[in-house]
C-alpha atoms as a PDB file:
ATOM      1  CA  GLU A   1     151.156  71.080  74.213  1.00  0.00           C
ATOM      2  CA  ASP A   2     151.988  69.547  71.065  1.00  0.00           C
ATOM      3  CA  ASP A   3     148.409  67.610  71.022  1.00  0.00           C
ATOM      4  CA  GLU A   4     146.702  71.080  72.141  1.00  0.00           C
ATOM      5  CA  ASP A   5     147.934  72.605  69.331  1.00  0.00           C
ATOM      6  CA  LYS A   6     147.264  69.841  67.161  1.00  0.00           C
ATOM      7  CA  THR A   7     143.621  70.089  68.472  1.00  0.00           C
ATOM      8  CA  GLU A   8     143.322  73.711  67.699  1.00  0.00           C
ATOM      9  CA  SER A   9     144.726  73.634  64.583  1.00  0.00           C
ATOM     10  CA  THR A  10     142.571  70.257  63.331  1.00  0.00           C
ATOM     11  CA  LYS A  11     139.357  72.682  64.636  1.00  0.00           C
ATOM     12  CA  THR A  12     140.597  75.779  63.030  1.00  0.00           C
ATOM     13  CA  ASN A  13     140.614  73.408  60.023  1.00  0.00           C
ATOM     14  CA  ILE A  14     137.441  72.098  59.828  1.00  0.00           C
ATOM     15  CA  ALA A  15     135.530  75.057  60.897  1.00  0.00           C
ATOM     16  CA  THR A  16     137.107  76.857  58.023  1.00  0.00           C
ATOM     17  CA  SER A  17     137.418  74.184  55.556  1.00  0.00           C
ATOM     18  CA  ASN A  18     133.622  74.651  54.440  1.00  0.00           C
ATOM     19  CA  PRO A  19     131.779  77.445  55.867  1.00  0.00           C
ATOM     20  CA  LYS A  20     128.711  76.251  54.095  1.00  0.00           C
ATOM     21  CA  SER A  21     128.951  72.878  55.822  1.00  0.00           C
ATOM     22  CA  ALA A  22     129.003  74.645  59.050  1.00  0.00           C
ATOM     23  CA  ARG A  23     125.559  75.808  59.378  1.00  0.00           C
ATOM     24  CA  ILE A  24     123.183  73.321  61.115  1.00  0.00           C
ATOM     25  CA  GLY A  25     120.516  71.808  59.038  1.00  0.00           C
ATOM     26  CA  GLU A  26     122.565  72.958  55.950  1.00  0.00           C
ATOM     27  CA  GLU A  27     122.322  69.515  54.030  1.00  0.00           C
ATOM     28  CA  ASN A  28     118.859  69.021  53.776  1.00  0.00           C
ATOM     29  CA  LEU A  29     118.574  72.240  51.814  1.00  0.00           C
ATOM     30  CA  SER A  30     117.804  72.513  48.084  1.00  0.00           C
ATOM     31  CA  SER A  31     120.082  75.304  46.117  1.00  0.00           C
ATOM     32  CA  GLU A  32     116.565  77.563  46.088  1.00  0.00           C
ATOM     33  CA  GLY A  33     116.959  76.916  50.447  1.00  0.00           C
ATOM     34  CA  PHE A  34     114.044  74.825  50.591  1.00  0.00           C
ATOM     35  CA  VAL A  35     113.763  71.460  52.653  1.00  0.00           C
ATOM     36  CA  LYS A  36     114.439  68.715  50.636  1.00  0.00           C
ATOM     37  CA  GLU A  37     111.676  65.725  50.559  1.00  0.00           C
ATOM     38  CA  PRO A  38     112.857  62.444  50.807  1.00  0.00           C
ATOM     39  CA  GLU A  39     113.251  60.419  48.242  1.00  0.00           C
ATOM     40  CA  ARG A  40     110.051  58.333  47.279  1.00  0.00           C
ATOM     41  CA  THR A  41     109.488  55.020  44.861  1.00  0.00           C
ATOM     42  CA  LEU A  42     106.410  54.849  42.695  1.00  0.00           C
ATOM     43  CA  CYS A  43     106.252  51.016  44.755  1.00  0.00           C
ATOM     44  CA  ASP A  44     106.573  53.251  48.266  1.00  0.00           C
ATOM     45  CA  LEU A  45     103.694  55.262  46.837  1.00  0.00           C
ATOM     46  CA  LEU A  46     101.822  52.471  45.761  1.00  0.00           C
ATOM     47  CA  ASN A  47     101.860  50.692  49.124  1.00  0.00           C
ATOM     48  CA  VAL A  48     100.886  53.264  51.251  1.00  0.00           C
ATOM     49  CA  THR A  49      98.239  54.186  49.513  1.00  0.00           C
ATOM     50  CA  GLU A  50      96.627  50.102  49.165  1.00  0.00           C
ATOM     51  CA  MET A  51      97.421  49.901  52.406  1.00  0.00           C
ATOM     52  CA  GLU A  52      95.367  53.278  53.432  1.00  0.00           C
ATOM     53  CA  THR A  53      92.328  51.749  51.077  1.00  0.00           C
ATOM     54  CA  GLY A  54      92.666  48.694  52.798  1.00  0.00           C
ATOM     55  CA  VAL A  55      92.237  50.644  56.247  1.00  0.00           C
ATOM     56  CA  GLU A  56      89.068  52.665  55.415  1.00  0.00           C
ATOM     57  CA  THR A  57      87.274  49.341  53.317  1.00  0.00           C
ATOM     58  CA  ASN A  58      87.609  47.775  56.743  1.00  0.00           C
ATOM     59  CA  THR A  59      86.709  50.260  59.074  1.00  0.00           C
ATOM     60  CA  LYS A  60      83.534  51.174  56.828  1.00  0.00           C
ATOM     61  CA  LYS A  61      82.988  47.262  56.696  1.00  0.00           C
ATOM     62  CA  LYS A  62      82.949  47.706  60.696  1.00  0.00           C
ATOM     63  CA  GLU A  63      80.653  50.616  60.488  1.00  0.00           C
ATOM     64  CA  GLU A  64      78.326  49.088  58.432  1.00  0.00           C
ATOM     65  CA  THR A  65      78.176  45.942  60.612  1.00  0.00           C
ATOM     66  CA  MET A  66      78.092  47.859  63.698  1.00  0.00           C
ATOM     67  CA  VAL A  67      75.186  49.697  62.101  1.00  0.00           C
ATOM     68  CA  ILE A  68      73.399  46.107  61.976  1.00  0.00           C
ATOM     69  CA  MET A  69      74.078  44.820  64.784  1.00  0.00           C
ATOM     70  CA  ASN A  70      72.346  47.931  66.636  1.00  0.00           C
ATOM     71  CA  ARG A  71      69.295  46.979  64.337  1.00  0.00           C
ATOM     72  CA  VAL A  72      69.263  43.732  65.692  1.00  0.00           C
ATOM     73  CA  VAL A  73      69.794  44.446  69.457  1.00  0.00           C
ATOM     74  CA  ARG A  74      66.853  46.801  69.641  1.00  0.00           C
ATOM     75  CA  GLU A  75      64.543  44.099  67.417  1.00  0.00           C
ATOM     76  CA  LEU A  76      65.564  41.335  69.835  1.00  0.00           C
ATOM     77  CA  GLN A  77      64.751  43.550  72.971  1.00  0.00           C
ATOM     78  CA  SER A  78      61.658  45.252  71.753  1.00  0.00           C
ATOM     79  CA  GLU A  79      58.827  44.080  73.103  1.00  0.00           C
ATOM     80  CA  CYS A  80      56.618  42.550  69.770  1.00  0.00           C
ATOM     81  CA  GLY A  81      53.303  41.014  69.912  1.00  0.00           C
ATOM     82  CA  ASP A  82      53.607  39.417  66.423  1.00  0.00           C
ATOM     83  CA  ASP A  83      54.641  36.318  68.129  1.00  0.00           C
ATOM     84  CA  GLY A  84      58.425  37.187  68.581  1.00  0.00           C
ATOM     85  CA  GLU A  85      58.846  36.815  64.335  1.00  0.00           C
ATOM     86  CA  LYS A  86      61.124  39.933  64.897  1.00  0.00           C
ATOM     87  CA  LYS A  87      62.817  38.404  67.157  1.00  0.00           C
ATOM     88  CA  ILE A  88      63.917  35.114  65.457  1.00  0.00           C
ATOM     89  CA  ALA A  89      64.567  37.138  62.089  1.00  0.00           C
ATOM     90  CA  ALA A  90      66.739  39.306  64.223  1.00  0.00           C
ATOM     91  CA  ALA A  91      68.287  35.565  65.944  1.00  0.00           C
ATOM     92  CA  SER A  92      68.749  34.313  62.459  1.00  0.00           C
ATOM     93  CA  GLU A  93      70.705  37.634  61.684  1.00  0.00           C
ATOM     94  CA  VAL A  94      73.230  37.819  64.033  1.00  0.00           C
ATOM     95  CA  ARG A  95      73.720  34.168  63.526  1.00  0.00           C
ATOM     96  CA  LEU A  96      74.519  35.113  59.945  1.00  0.00           C
ATOM     97  CA  LEU A  97      77.235  37.932  60.733  1.00  0.00           C
ATOM     98  CA  ALA A  98      78.245  35.736  63.344  1.00  0.00           C
ATOM     99  CA  LYS A  99      78.855  33.031  61.295  1.00  0.00           C
ATOM    100  CA  ASP A 100      82.841  34.505  59.904  1.00  0.00           C
ATOM    101  CA  ASP A 101      83.225  35.797  62.847  1.00  0.00           C
ATOM    102  CA  THR A 102      84.969  33.934  65.853  1.00  0.00           C
ATOM    103  CA  GLU A 103      84.940  36.816  68.085  1.00  0.00           C
ATOM    104  CA  ALA A 104      81.213  38.199  67.244  1.00  0.00           C
ATOM    105  CA  ARG A 105      79.867  34.475  68.540  1.00  0.00           C
ATOM    106  CA  VAL A 106      82.086  34.367  71.578  1.00  0.00           C
ATOM    107  CA  THR A 107      80.889  37.820  72.875  1.00  0.00           C
ATOM    108  CA  LEU A 108      77.466  36.727  71.814  1.00  0.00           C
ATOM    109  CA  ALA A 109      77.662  33.385  73.377  1.00  0.00           C
ATOM    110  CA  MET A 110      78.919  35.531  76.484  1.00  0.00           C
END
């Protein structure tokens, strides 16, 4: 019985000791009642911006390369009557594009 009484009195003390903290989520609210934003340092913000810029640049580069590759493939597949000069130029351009990209070289080799 003593253990039960101690437990009940502890629960009562916890519940009545600080009525503000009894509300769920109260610790995340500012004095005005707004949800507090997590603290971010300038370094964190710069790193996020730098990562986003890198992703955007990489995406743009891939899109540009895809447009060029689509054009080159059309030229390679076209039936041209100028002794295949377009095909030779397109094949040369493909080699230049794939020069630094090992994945593209493997794909083209297939």
